[in-house]
All heavy atoms as atom14 arrays in JSON, in Angstrom:
{
  "sequence": "KETSRVVLLNNFGQVALLNVERYNYHKLPGGGIEAGESPRQALGRE",
  "atom14_mask": [
    [1, 1, 1, 1, 1, 1, 1, 1, 1, 0, 0, 0, 0, 0],
    [1, 1, 1, 1, 1, 1, 1, 1, 1, 0, 0, 0, 0, 0],
    [1, 1, 1, 1, 1, 1, 1, 0, 0, 0, 0, 0, 0, 0],
    [1, 1, 1, 1, 1, 1, 0, 0, 0, 0, 0, 0, 0, 0],
    [1, 1, 1, 1, 1, 1, 1, 1, 1, 1, 1, 0, 0, 0],
    [1, 1, 1, 1, 1, 1, 1, 0, 0, 0, 0, 0, 0, 0],
    [1, 1, 1, 1, 1, 1, 1, 0, 0, 0, 0, 0, 0, 0],
    [1, 1, 1, 1, 1, 1, 1, 1, 0, 0, 0, 0, 0, 0],
    [1, 1, 1, 1, 1, 1, 1, 1, 0, 0, 0, 0, 0, 0],
    [1, 1, 1, 1, 1, 1, 1, 1, 0, 0, 0, 0, 0, 0],
    [1, 1, 1, 1, 1, 1, 1, 1, 0, 0, 0, 0, 0, 0],
    [1, 1, 1, 1, 1, 1, 1, 1, 1, 1, 1, 0, 0, 0],
    [1, 1, 1, 1, 0, 0, 0, 0, 0, 0, 0, 0, 0, 0],
    [1, 1, 1, 1, 1, 1, 1, 1, 1, 0, 0, 0, 0, 0],
    [1, 1, 1, 1, 1, 1, 1, 0, 0, 0, 0, 0, 0, 0],
    [1, 1, 1, 1, 1, 0, 0, 0, 0, 0, 0, 0, 0, 0],
    [1, 1, 1, 1, 1, 1, 1, 1, 0, 0, 0, 0, 0, 0],
    [1, 1, 1, 1, 1, 1, 1, 1, 0, 0, 0, 0, 0, 0],
    [1, 1, 1, 1, 1, 1, 1, 1, 0, 0, 0, 0, 0, 0],
    [1, 1, 1, 1, 1, 1, 1, 0, 0, 0, 0, 0, 0, 0],
    [1, 1, 1, 1, 1, 1, 1, 1, 1, 0, 0, 0, 0, 0],
    [1, 1, 1, 1, 1, 1, 1, 1, 1, 1, 1, 0, 0, 0],
    [1, 1, 1, 1, 1, 1, 1, 1, 1, 1, 1, 1, 0, 0],
    [1, 1, 1, 1, 1, 1, 1, 1, 0, 0, 0, 0, 0, 0],
    [1, 1, 1, 1, 1, 1, 1, 1, 1, 1, 1, 1, 0, 0],
    [1, 1, 1, 1, 1, 1, 1, 1, 1, 1, 0, 0, 0, 0],
    [1, 1, 1, 1, 1, 1, 1, 1, 1, 0, 0, 0, 0, 0],
    [1, 1, 1, 1, 1, 1, 1, 1, 0, 0, 0, 0, 0, 0],
    [1, 1, 1, 1, 1, 1, 1, 0, 0, 0, 0, 0, 0, 0],
    [1, 1, 1, 1, 0, 0, 0, 0, 0, 0, 0, 0, 0, 0],
    [1, 1, 1, 1, 0, 0, 0, 0, 0, 0, 0, 0, 0, 0],
    [1, 1, 1, 1, 0, 0, 0, 0, 0, 0, 0, 0, 0, 0],
    [1, 1, 1, 1, 1, 1, 1, 1, 0, 0, 0, 0, 0, 0],
    [1, 1, 1, 1, 1, 1, 1, 1, 1, 0, 0, 0, 0, 0],
    [1, 1, 1, 1, 1, 0, 0, 0, 0, 0, 0, 0, 0, 0],
    [1, 1, 1, 1, 0, 0, 0, 0, 0, 0, 0, 0, 0, 0],
    [1, 1, 1, 1, 1, 1, 1, 1, 1, 0, 0, 0, 0, 0],
    [1, 1, 1, 1, 1, 1, 0, 0, 0, 0, 0, 0, 0, 0],
    [1, 1, 1, 1, 1, 1, 1, 0, 0, 0, 0, 0, 0, 0],
    [1, 1, 1, 1, 1, 1, 1, 1, 1, 1, 1, 0, 0, 0],
    [1, 1, 1, 1, 1, 1, 1, 1, 1, 0, 0, 0, 0, 0],
    [1, 1, 1, 1, 1, 0, 0, 0, 0, 0, 0, 0, 0, 0],
    [1, 1, 1, 1, 1, 1, 1, 1, 0, 0, 0, 0, 0, 0],
    [1, 1, 1, 1, 0, 0, 0, 0, 0, 0, 0, 0, 0, 0],
    [1, 1, 1, 1, 1, 1, 1, 1, 1, 1, 1, 0, 0, 0],
    [1, 1, 1, 1, 1, 1, 1, 1, 1, 0, 0, 0, 0, 0]
  ],
  "atom14_positions": [
    [[-13.72, 1.49, -22.15], [-13.51, 1.46, -20.7], [-12.12, 0.92, -20.45], [-11.81, -0.22, -20.76], [-14.54, 0.57, -20.0], [-14.33, 0.54, -18.5], [-15.3, -0.34, -17.78], [-14.99, -0.32, -16.29], [-15.76, -1.27, -15.54], [0.0, 0.0, 0.0], [0.0, 0.0, 0.0], [0.0, 0.0, 0.0], [0.0, 0.0, 0.0], [0.0, 0.0, 0.0]],
    [[-11.27, 1.77, -19.88], [-9.9, 1.34, -19.58], [-9.84, 0.75, -18.18], [-10.46, 1.25, -17.24], [-8.93, 2.51, -19.7], [-8.76, 2.97, -21.12], [-7.7, 4.04, -21.25], [-7.6, 4.91, -20.36], [-6.97, 4.0, -22.25], [0.0, 0.0, 0.0], [0.0, 0.0, 0.0], [0.0, 0.0, 0.0], [0.0, 0.0, 0.0], [0.0, 0.0, 0.0]],
    [[-9.11, -0.34, -18.06], [-8.91, -1.0, -16.78], [-7.43, -1.26, -16.57], [-6.63, -1.18, -17.5], [-9.67, -2.34, -16.7], [-9.17, -3.22, -17.69], [-11.17, -2.15, -16.89], [0.0, 0.0, 0.0], [0.0, 0.0, 0.0], [0.0, 0.0, 0.0], [0.0, 0.0, 0.0], [0.0, 0.0, 0.0], [0.0, 0.0, 0.0], [0.0, 0.0, 0.0]],
    [[-7.09, -1.56, -15.34], [-5.73, -1.9, -14.99], [-5.79, -3.17, -14.15], [-6.5, -3.23, -13.16], [-5.12, -0.74, -14.17], [-3.75, -0.88, -14.02], [0.0, 0.0, 0.0], [0.0, 0.0, 0.0], [0.0, 0.0, 0.0], [0.0, 0.0, 0.0], [0.0, 0.0, 0.0], [0.0, 0.0, 0.0], [0.0, 0.0, 0.0], [0.0, 0.0, 0.0]],
    [[-5.07, -4.19, -14.57], [-5.07, -5.48, -13.86], [-3.64, -5.87, -13.53], [-2.69, -5.36, -14.1], [-5.73, -6.56, -14.71], [-7.18, -6.24, -14.98], [-8.03, -7.47, -15.16], [-9.42, -7.11, -15.29], [-10.25, -6.94, -14.26], [-9.84, -7.13, -13.04], [-11.5, -6.6, -14.46], [0.0, 0.0, 0.0], [0.0, 0.0, 0.0], [0.0, 0.0, 0.0]],
    [[-3.51, -6.81, -12.61], [-2.19, -7.19, -12.11], [-2.07, -8.71, -12.0], [-3.04, -9.39, -11.68], [-1.91, -6.54, -10.73], [-2.89, -7.02, -9.69], [-0.49, -6.77, -10.28], [0.0, 0.0, 0.0], [0.0, 0.0, 0.0], [0.0, 0.0, 0.0], [0.0, 0.0, 0.0], [0.0, 0.0, 0.0], [0.0, 0.0, 0.0], [0.0, 0.0, 0.0]],
    [[-0.89, -9.21, -12.33], [-0.54, -10.59, -12.02], [0.14, -10.49, -10.66], [1.3, -10.09, -10.55], [0.4, -11.21, -13.08], [0.8, -12.62, -12.67], [-0.25, -11.19, -14.45], [0.0, 0.0, 0.0], [0.0, 0.0, 0.0], [0.0, 0.0, 0.0], [0.0, 0.0, 0.0], [0.0, 0.0, 0.0], [0.0, 0.0, 0.0], [0.0, 0.0, 0.0]],
    [[-0.61, -10.79, -9.62], [-0.16, -10.61, -8.24], [0.36, -11.93, -7.7], [-0.37, -12.92, -7.64], [-1.33, -10.11, -7.38], [-1.07, -9.82, -5.92], [-0.09, -8.65, -5.77], [-2.38, -9.49, -5.21], [0.0, 0.0, 0.0], [0.0, 0.0, 0.0], [0.0, 0.0, 0.0], [0.0, 0.0, 0.0], [0.0, 0.0, 0.0], [0.0, 0.0, 0.0]],
    [[1.63, -11.94, -7.32], [2.27, -13.15, -6.8], [2.52, -13.02, -5.3], [2.93, -11.96, -4.83], [3.62, -13.39, -7.5], [3.6, -13.53, -9.01], [5.02, -13.57, -9.56], [2.84, -14.76, -9.42], [0.0, 0.0, 0.0], [0.0, 0.0, 0.0], [0.0, 0.0, 0.0], [0.0, 0.0, 0.0], [0.0, 0.0, 0.0], [0.0, 0.0, 0.0]],
    [[2.33, -14.12, -4.57], [2.71, -14.12, -3.16], [4.14, -14.65, -3.04], [4.81, -14.92, -4.05], [1.71, -14.91, -2.3], [1.71, -16.4, -2.61], [2.59, -16.94, -3.29], [0.7, -17.09, -2.09], [0.0, 0.0, 0.0], [0.0, 0.0, 0.0], [0.0, 0.0, 0.0], [0.0, 0.0, 0.0], [0.0, 0.0, 0.0], [0.0, 0.0, 0.0]],
    [[4.63, -14.8, -1.83], [6.02, -15.25, -1.6], [6.29, -16.68, -2.08], [7.42, -17.1, -2.17], [6.38, -15.13, -0.12], [6.46, -13.68, 0.32], [6.69, -12.79, -0.49], [6.25, -13.44, 1.6], [0.0, 0.0, 0.0], [0.0, 0.0, 0.0], [0.0, 0.0, 0.0], [0.0, 0.0, 0.0], [0.0, 0.0, 0.0], [0.0, 0.0, 0.0]],
    [[5.23, -17.43, -2.38], [5.38, -18.81, -2.85], [5.24, -18.92, -4.37], [5.2, -20.02, -4.92], [4.35, -19.73, -2.17], [4.45, -19.7, -0.67], [3.5, -19.01, 0.07], [5.49, -20.33, 0.01], [3.58, -18.97, 1.46], [5.57, -20.29, 1.39], [4.62, -19.61, 2.12], [0.0, 0.0, 0.0], [0.0, 0.0, 0.0], [0.0, 0.0, 0.0]],
    [[5.09, -17.76, -5.05], [4.94, -17.74, -6.5], [3.53, -18.08, -6.97], [3.32, -18.33, -8.14], [0.0, 0.0, 0.0], [0.0, 0.0, 0.0], [0.0, 0.0, 0.0], [0.0, 0.0, 0.0], [0.0, 0.0, 0.0], [0.0, 0.0, 0.0], [0.0, 0.0, 0.0], [0.0, 0.0, 0.0], [0.0, 0.0, 0.0], [0.0, 0.0, 0.0]],
    [[2.56, -18.08, -6.05], [1.18, -18.36, -6.42], [0.51, -17.08, -6.94], [0.75, -15.99, -6.42], [0.4, -18.89, -5.21], [0.94, -20.21, -4.69], [0.35, -20.58, -3.34], [0.2, -19.74, -2.47], [0.01, -21.86, -3.19], [0.0, 0.0, 0.0], [0.0, 0.0, 0.0], [0.0, 0.0, 0.0], [0.0, 0.0, 0.0], [0.0, 0.0, 0.0]],
    [[-0.32, -17.22, -7.96], [-1.01, -16.09, -8.58], [-2.39, -15.91, -7.95], [-3.15, -16.87, -7.83], [-1.16, -16.3, -10.1], [-1.93, -15.16, -10.75], [0.21, -16.46, -10.76], [0.0, 0.0, 0.0], [0.0, 0.0, 0.0], [0.0, 0.0, 0.0], [0.0, 0.0, 0.0], [0.0, 0.0, 0.0], [0.0, 0.0, 0.0], [0.0, 0.0, 0.0]],
    [[-2.71, -14.67, -7.57], [-4.03, -14.37, -7.0], [-5.05, -14.22, -8.12], [-4.81, -13.54, -9.11], [-3.95, -13.07, -6.2], [0.0, 0.0, 0.0], [0.0, 0.0, 0.0], [0.0, 0.0, 0.0], [0.0, 0.0, 0.0], [0.0, 0.0, 0.0], [0.0, 0.0, 0.0], [0.0, 0.0, 0.0], [0.0, 0.0, 0.0], [0.0, 0.0, 0.0]],
    [[-6.18, -14.9, -7.96], [-7.3, -14.78, -8.9], [-8.57, -14.49, -8.12], [-8.75, -14.97, -7.0], [-7.5, -16.09, -9.69], [-6.4, -16.49, -10.65], [-6.7, -17.87, -11.24], [-6.25, -15.46, -11.76], [0.0, 0.0, 0.0], [0.0, 0.0, 0.0], [0.0, 0.0, 0.0], [0.0, 0.0, 0.0], [0.0, 0.0, 0.0], [0.0, 0.0, 0.0]],
    [[-9.45, -13.7, -8.72], [-10.74, -13.42, -8.13], [-11.78, -14.33, -8.78], [-11.78, -14.5, -10.0], [-11.13, -11.96, -8.35], [-10.21, -10.93, -7.73], [-10.62, -9.53, -8.16], [-10.23, -11.04, -6.22], [0.0, 0.0, 0.0], [0.0, 0.0, 0.0], [0.0, 0.0, 0.0], [0.0, 0.0, 0.0], [0.0, 0.0, 0.0], [0.0, 0.0, 0.0]],
    [[-12.66, -14.9, -7.97], [-13.72, -15.77, -8.47], [-14.96, -14.93, -8.76], [-15.46, -14.23, -7.89], [-14.04, -16.84, -7.43], [-15.11, -17.8, -7.91], [-15.3, -17.98, -9.1], [-15.8, -18.41, -6.97], [0.0, 0.0, 0.0], [0.0, 0.0, 0.0], [0.0, 0.0, 0.0], [0.0, 0.0, 0.0], [0.0, 0.0, 0.0], [0.0, 0.0, 0.0]],
    [[-15.44, -15.0, -9.99], [-16.68, -14.33, -10.37], [-17.76, -15.41, -10.39], [-17.99, -16.08, -11.4], [-16.55, -13.64, -11.75], [-17.84, -12.9, -12.1], [-15.36, -12.69, -11.76], [0.0, 0.0, 0.0], [0.0, 0.0, 0.0], [0.0, 0.0, 0.0], [0.0, 0.0, 0.0], [0.0, 0.0, 0.0], [0.0, 0.0, 0.0], [0.0, 0.0, 0.0]],
    [[-18.38, -15.62, -9.22], [-19.34, -16.72, -9.05], [-20.52, -16.64, -10.0], [-20.96, -17.65, -10.54], [-19.87, -16.74, -7.61], [-19.01, -17.56, -6.68], [-19.66, -17.7, -5.31], [-20.79, -18.23, -5.25], [-19.04, -17.28, -4.33], [0.0, 0.0, 0.0], [0.0, 0.0, 0.0], [0.0, 0.0, 0.0], [0.0, 0.0, 0.0], [0.0, 0.0, 0.0]],
    [[-21.01, -15.43, -10.21], [-22.21, -15.25, -11.04], [-22.05, -15.86, -12.43], [-22.97, -16.41, -12.99], [-22.51, -13.76, -11.15], [-23.75, -13.45, -11.93], [-24.04, -11.98, -11.89], [-25.24, -11.68, -12.66], [-25.73, -10.49, -12.82], [-25.13, -9.46, -12.27], [-26.81, -10.31, -13.54], [0.0, 0.0, 0.0], [0.0, 0.0, 0.0], [0.0, 0.0, 0.0]],
    [[-20.84, -15.74, -13.01], [-20.61, -16.25, -14.36], [-19.64, -17.42, -14.39], [-19.23, -17.87, -15.45], [-20.12, -15.13, -15.28], [-21.12, -14.01, -15.4], [-20.88, -12.78, -14.82], [-22.32, -14.2, -16.08], [-21.8, -11.74, -14.93], [-23.26, -13.18, -16.19], [-22.98, -11.95, -15.61], [-23.9, -10.94, -15.71], [0.0, 0.0, 0.0], [0.0, 0.0, 0.0]],
    [[-19.22, -17.89, -13.23], [-18.37, -19.07, -13.11], [-17.03, -18.96, -13.85], [-16.7, -19.79, -14.69], [-19.14, -20.32, -13.57], [-18.43, -21.6, -13.14], [-17.76, -21.63, -12.11], [-18.55, -22.63, -13.94], [0.0, 0.0, 0.0], [0.0, 0.0, 0.0], [0.0, 0.0, 0.0], [0.0, 0.0, 0.0], [0.0, 0.0, 0.0], [0.0, 0.0, 0.0]],
    [[-16.29, -17.88, -13.55], [-14.95, -17.75, -14.1], [-14.06, -17.01, -13.11], [-14.54, -16.5, -12.1], [-14.96, -17.05, -15.48], [-15.25, -15.57, -15.46], [-14.22, -14.63, -15.38], [-16.55, -15.09, -15.53], [-14.49, -13.28, -15.37], [-16.82, -13.73, -15.51], [-15.78, -12.83, -15.44], [-16.03, -11.49, -15.42], [0.0, 0.0, 0.0], [0.0, 0.0, 0.0]],
    [[-12.78, -16.97, -13.39], [-11.81, -16.26, -12.56], [-11.15, -15.16, -13.36], [-11.06, -15.25, -14.59], [-10.73, -17.23, -12.06], [-11.25, -18.26, -11.12], [-11.88, -19.4, -11.54], [-11.26, -18.3, -9.77], [-12.25, -20.11, -10.49], [-11.89, -19.47, -9.4], [0.0, 0.0, 0.0], [0.0, 0.0, 0.0], [0.0, 0.0, 0.0], [0.0, 0.0, 0.0]],
    [[-10.7, -14.12, -12.66], [-10.01, -13.02, -13.34], [-8.9, -12.49, -12.45], [-8.88, -12.73, -11.24], [-10.98, -11.9, -13.71], [-11.6, -11.19, -12.51], [-12.55, -10.1, -12.98], [-13.15, -9.36, -11.78], [-14.02, -8.27, -12.22], [0.0, 0.0, 0.0], [0.0, 0.0, 0.0], [0.0, 0.0, 0.0], [0.0, 0.0, 0.0], [0.0, 0.0, 0.0]],
    [[-7.99, -11.76, -13.07], [-6.9, -11.12, -12.34], [-7.45, -9.93, -11.56], [-8.39, -9.27, -12.0], [-5.82, -10.64, -13.31], [-5.07, -11.72, -14.07], [-4.22, -11.1, -15.16], [-4.21, -12.55, -13.12], [0.0, 0.0, 0.0], [0.0, 0.0, 0.0], [0.0, 0.0, 0.0], [0.0, 0.0, 0.0], [0.0, 0.0, 0.0], [0.0, 0.0, 0.0]],
    [[-6.87, -9.61, -10.4], [-7.31, -8.44, -9.63], [-7.09, -7.16, -10.42], [-6.14, -7.05, -11.2], [-6.4, -8.47, -8.39], [-5.86, -9.85, -8.31], [-5.81, -10.36, -9.71], [0.0, 0.0, 0.0], [0.0, 0.0, 0.0], [0.0, 0.0, 0.0], [0.0, 0.0, 0.0], [0.0, 0.0, 0.0], [0.0, 0.0, 0.0], [0.0, 0.0, 0.0]],
    [[-7.95, -6.19, -10.19], [-7.86, -4.9, -10.85], [-9.24, -4.45, -11.25], [-10.24, -5.07, -10.93], [0.0, 0.0, 0.0], [0.0, 0.0, 0.0], [0.0, 0.0, 0.0], [0.0, 0.0, 0.0], [0.0, 0.0, 0.0], [0.0, 0.0, 0.0], [0.0, 0.0, 0.0], [0.0, 0.0, 0.0], [0.0, 0.0, 0.0], [0.0, 0.0, 0.0]],
    [[-9.28, -3.33, -11.96], [-10.58, -2.83, -12.39], [-10.46, -1.53, -13.13], [-9.37, -1.14, -13.57], [0.0, 0.0, 0.0], [0.0, 0.0, 0.0], [0.0, 0.0, 0.0], [0.0, 0.0, 0.0], [0.0, 0.0, 0.0], [0.0, 0.0, 0.0], [0.0, 0.0, 0.0], [0.0, 0.0, 0.0], [0.0, 0.0, 0.0], [0.0, 0.0, 0.0]],
    [[-11.58, -0.84, -13.24], [-11.69, 0.36, -14.04], [-10.83, 1.52, -13.54], [-10.63, 1.69, -12.34], [0.0, 0.0, 0.0], [0.0, 0.0, 0.0], [0.0, 0.0, 0.0], [0.0, 0.0, 0.0], [0.0, 0.0, 0.0], [0.0, 0.0, 0.0], [0.0, 0.0, 0.0], [0.0, 0.0, 0.0], [0.0, 0.0, 0.0], [0.0, 0.0, 0.0]],
    [[-10.34, 2.29, -14.5], [-9.57, 3.49, -14.21], [-10.56, 4.65, -14.16], [-11.27, 4.91, -15.12], [-8.49, 3.73, -15.29], [-7.54, 2.54, -15.35], [-7.75, 5.04, -15.02], [-6.56, 2.59, -16.52], [0.0, 0.0, 0.0], [0.0, 0.0, 0.0], [0.0, 0.0, 0.0], [0.0, 0.0, 0.0], [0.0, 0.0, 0.0], [0.0, 0.0, 0.0]],
    [[-10.61, 5.33, -13.02], [-11.55, 6.44, -12.85], [-10.95, 7.73, -13.38], [-9.73, 7.85, -13.54], [-11.92, 6.57, -11.37], [-12.7, 5.37, -10.86], [-13.07, 5.46, -9.39], [-12.71, 6.46, -8.72], [-13.72, 4.52, -8.9], [0.0, 0.0, 0.0], [0.0, 0.0, 0.0], [0.0, 0.0, 0.0], [0.0, 0.0, 0.0], [0.0, 0.0, 0.0]],
    [[-11.81, 8.71, -13.65], [-11.37, 10.01, -14.17], [-10.3, 10.6, -13.26], [-10.44, 10.61, -12.04], [-12.56, 10.96, -14.26], [0.0, 0.0, 0.0], [0.0, 0.0, 0.0], [0.0, 0.0, 0.0], [0.0, 0.0, 0.0], [0.0, 0.0, 0.0], [0.0, 0.0, 0.0], [0.0, 0.0, 0.0], [0.0, 0.0, 0.0], [0.0, 0.0, 0.0]],
    [[-9.21, 11.05, -13.86], [-8.13, 11.66, -13.12], [-7.1, 10.7, -12.55], [-6.11, 11.12, -11.96], [0.0, 0.0, 0.0], [0.0, 0.0, 0.0], [0.0, 0.0, 0.0], [0.0, 0.0, 0.0], [0.0, 0.0, 0.0], [0.0, 0.0, 0.0], [0.0, 0.0, 0.0], [0.0, 0.0, 0.0], [0.0, 0.0, 0.0], [0.0, 0.0, 0.0]],
    [[-7.35, 9.4, -12.68], [-6.41, 8.39, -12.18], [-5.47, 7.93, -13.27], [-5.85, 7.82, -14.43], [-7.16, 7.13, -11.7], [-7.74, 7.2, -10.34], [-8.33, 5.86, -9.91], [-8.95, 5.15, -10.73], [-8.19, 5.55, -8.72], [0.0, 0.0, 0.0], [0.0, 0.0, 0.0], [0.0, 0.0, 0.0], [0.0, 0.0, 0.0], [0.0, 0.0, 0.0]],
    [[-4.26, 7.61, -12.87], [-3.33, 6.93, -13.78], [-3.62, 5.43, -13.65], [-4.24, 4.99, -12.68], [-1.88, 7.22, -13.38], [-1.55, 6.54, -12.18], [0.0, 0.0, 0.0], [0.0, 0.0, 0.0], [0.0, 0.0, 0.0], [0.0, 0.0, 0.0], [0.0, 0.0, 0.0], [0.0, 0.0, 0.0], [0.0, 0.0, 0.0], [0.0, 0.0, 0.0]],
    [[-3.15, 4.62, -14.61], [-3.33, 3.17, -14.47], [-2.74, 2.63, -13.17], [-3.34, 1.76, -12.54], [-2.6, 2.61, -15.7], [-2.73, 3.69, -16.72], [-2.59, 4.96, -15.92], [0.0, 0.0, 0.0], [0.0, 0.0, 0.0], [0.0, 0.0, 0.0], [0.0, 0.0, 0.0], [0.0, 0.0, 0.0], [0.0, 0.0, 0.0], [0.0, 0.0, 0.0]],
    [[-1.59, 3.14, -12.74], [-0.99, 2.66, -11.48], [-1.81, 3.07, -10.27], [-1.95, 2.3, -9.32], [0.44, 3.16, -11.34], [1.4, 2.36, -12.17], [2.82, 2.68, -11.83], [3.7, 2.02, -12.78], [4.9, 1.6, -12.49], [5.39, 1.78, -11.29], [5.63, 1.0, -13.4], [0.0, 0.0, 0.0], [0.0, 0.0, 0.0], [0.0, 0.0, 0.0]],
    [[-2.36, 4.29, -10.28], [-3.2, 4.73, -9.16], [-4.45, 3.85, -9.07], [-4.85, 3.44, -7.98], [-3.59, 6.19, -9.33], [-2.46, 7.16, -9.11], [-2.81, 8.57, -9.54], [-3.59, 8.79, -10.47], [-2.23, 9.55, -8.86], [0.0, 0.0, 0.0], [0.0, 0.0, 0.0], [0.0, 0.0, 0.0], [0.0, 0.0, 0.0], [0.0, 0.0, 0.0]],
    [[-5.06, 3.58, -10.22], [-6.26, 2.73, -10.25], [-5.93, 1.34, -9.73], [-6.68, 0.76, -8.95], [-6.82, 2.65, -11.67], [0.0, 0.0, 0.0], [0.0, 0.0, 0.0], [0.0, 0.0, 0.0], [0.0, 0.0, 0.0], [0.0, 0.0, 0.0], [0.0, 0.0, 0.0], [0.0, 0.0, 0.0], [0.0, 0.0, 0.0], [0.0, 0.0, 0.0]],
    [[-4.79, 0.83, -10.14], [-4.38, -0.5, -9.71], [-4.19, -0.53, -8.19], [-4.65, -1.46, -7.52], [-3.09, -0.92, -10.41], [-2.67, -2.36, -10.23], [-3.74, -3.31, -10.73], [-1.37, -2.6, -10.96], [0.0, 0.0, 0.0], [0.0, 0.0, 0.0], [0.0, 0.0, 0.0], [0.0, 0.0, 0.0], [0.0, 0.0, 0.0], [0.0, 0.0, 0.0]],
    [[-3.55, 0.48, -7.65], [-3.36, 0.55, -6.2], [-4.68, 0.57, -5.46], [-4.88, -0.14, -4.47], [0.0, 0.0, 0.0], [0.0, 0.0, 0.0], [0.0, 0.0, 0.0], [0.0, 0.0, 0.0], [0.0, 0.0, 0.0], [0.0, 0.0, 0.0], [0.0, 0.0, 0.0], [0.0, 0.0, 0.0], [0.0, 0.0, 0.0], [0.0, 0.0, 0.0]],
    [[-5.62, 1.39, -5.93], [-6.94, 1.48, -5.31], [-7.68, 0.15, -5.41], [-8.25, -0.34, -4.43], [-7.75, 2.59, -5.98], [-9.17, 2.73, -5.46], [-9.96, 3.81, -6.19], [-9.89, 3.72, -7.64], [-10.55, 2.82, -8.38], [-11.33, 1.91, -7.8], [-10.44, 2.81, -9.7], [0.0, 0.0, 0.0], [0.0, 0.0, 0.0], [0.0, 0.0, 0.0]],
    [[-7.67, -0.46, -6.58], [-8.37, -1.73, -6.79], [-7.77, -2.85, -5.94], [-8.49, -3.68, -5.41], [-8.37, -2.12, -8.27], [-9.24, -1.25, -9.15], [-10.72, -1.53, -8.98], [-11.1, -2.57, -8.4], [-11.52, -0.7, -9.44], [0.0, 0.0, 0.0], [0.0, 0.0, 0.0], [0.0, 0.0, 0.0], [0.0, 0.0, 0.0], [0.0, 0.0, 0.0]]
  ]
}
């Protein structure tokens, strides 16, 4: 399963993280690449 994730910074240099409450961890924004998508297209959609 291919995914595309991003280190997303705001204007203050802070990194965006998503909280996965169910398993008590954080991850970078992004997700699975769907059929026919490029990694950049998937990243934009996610």
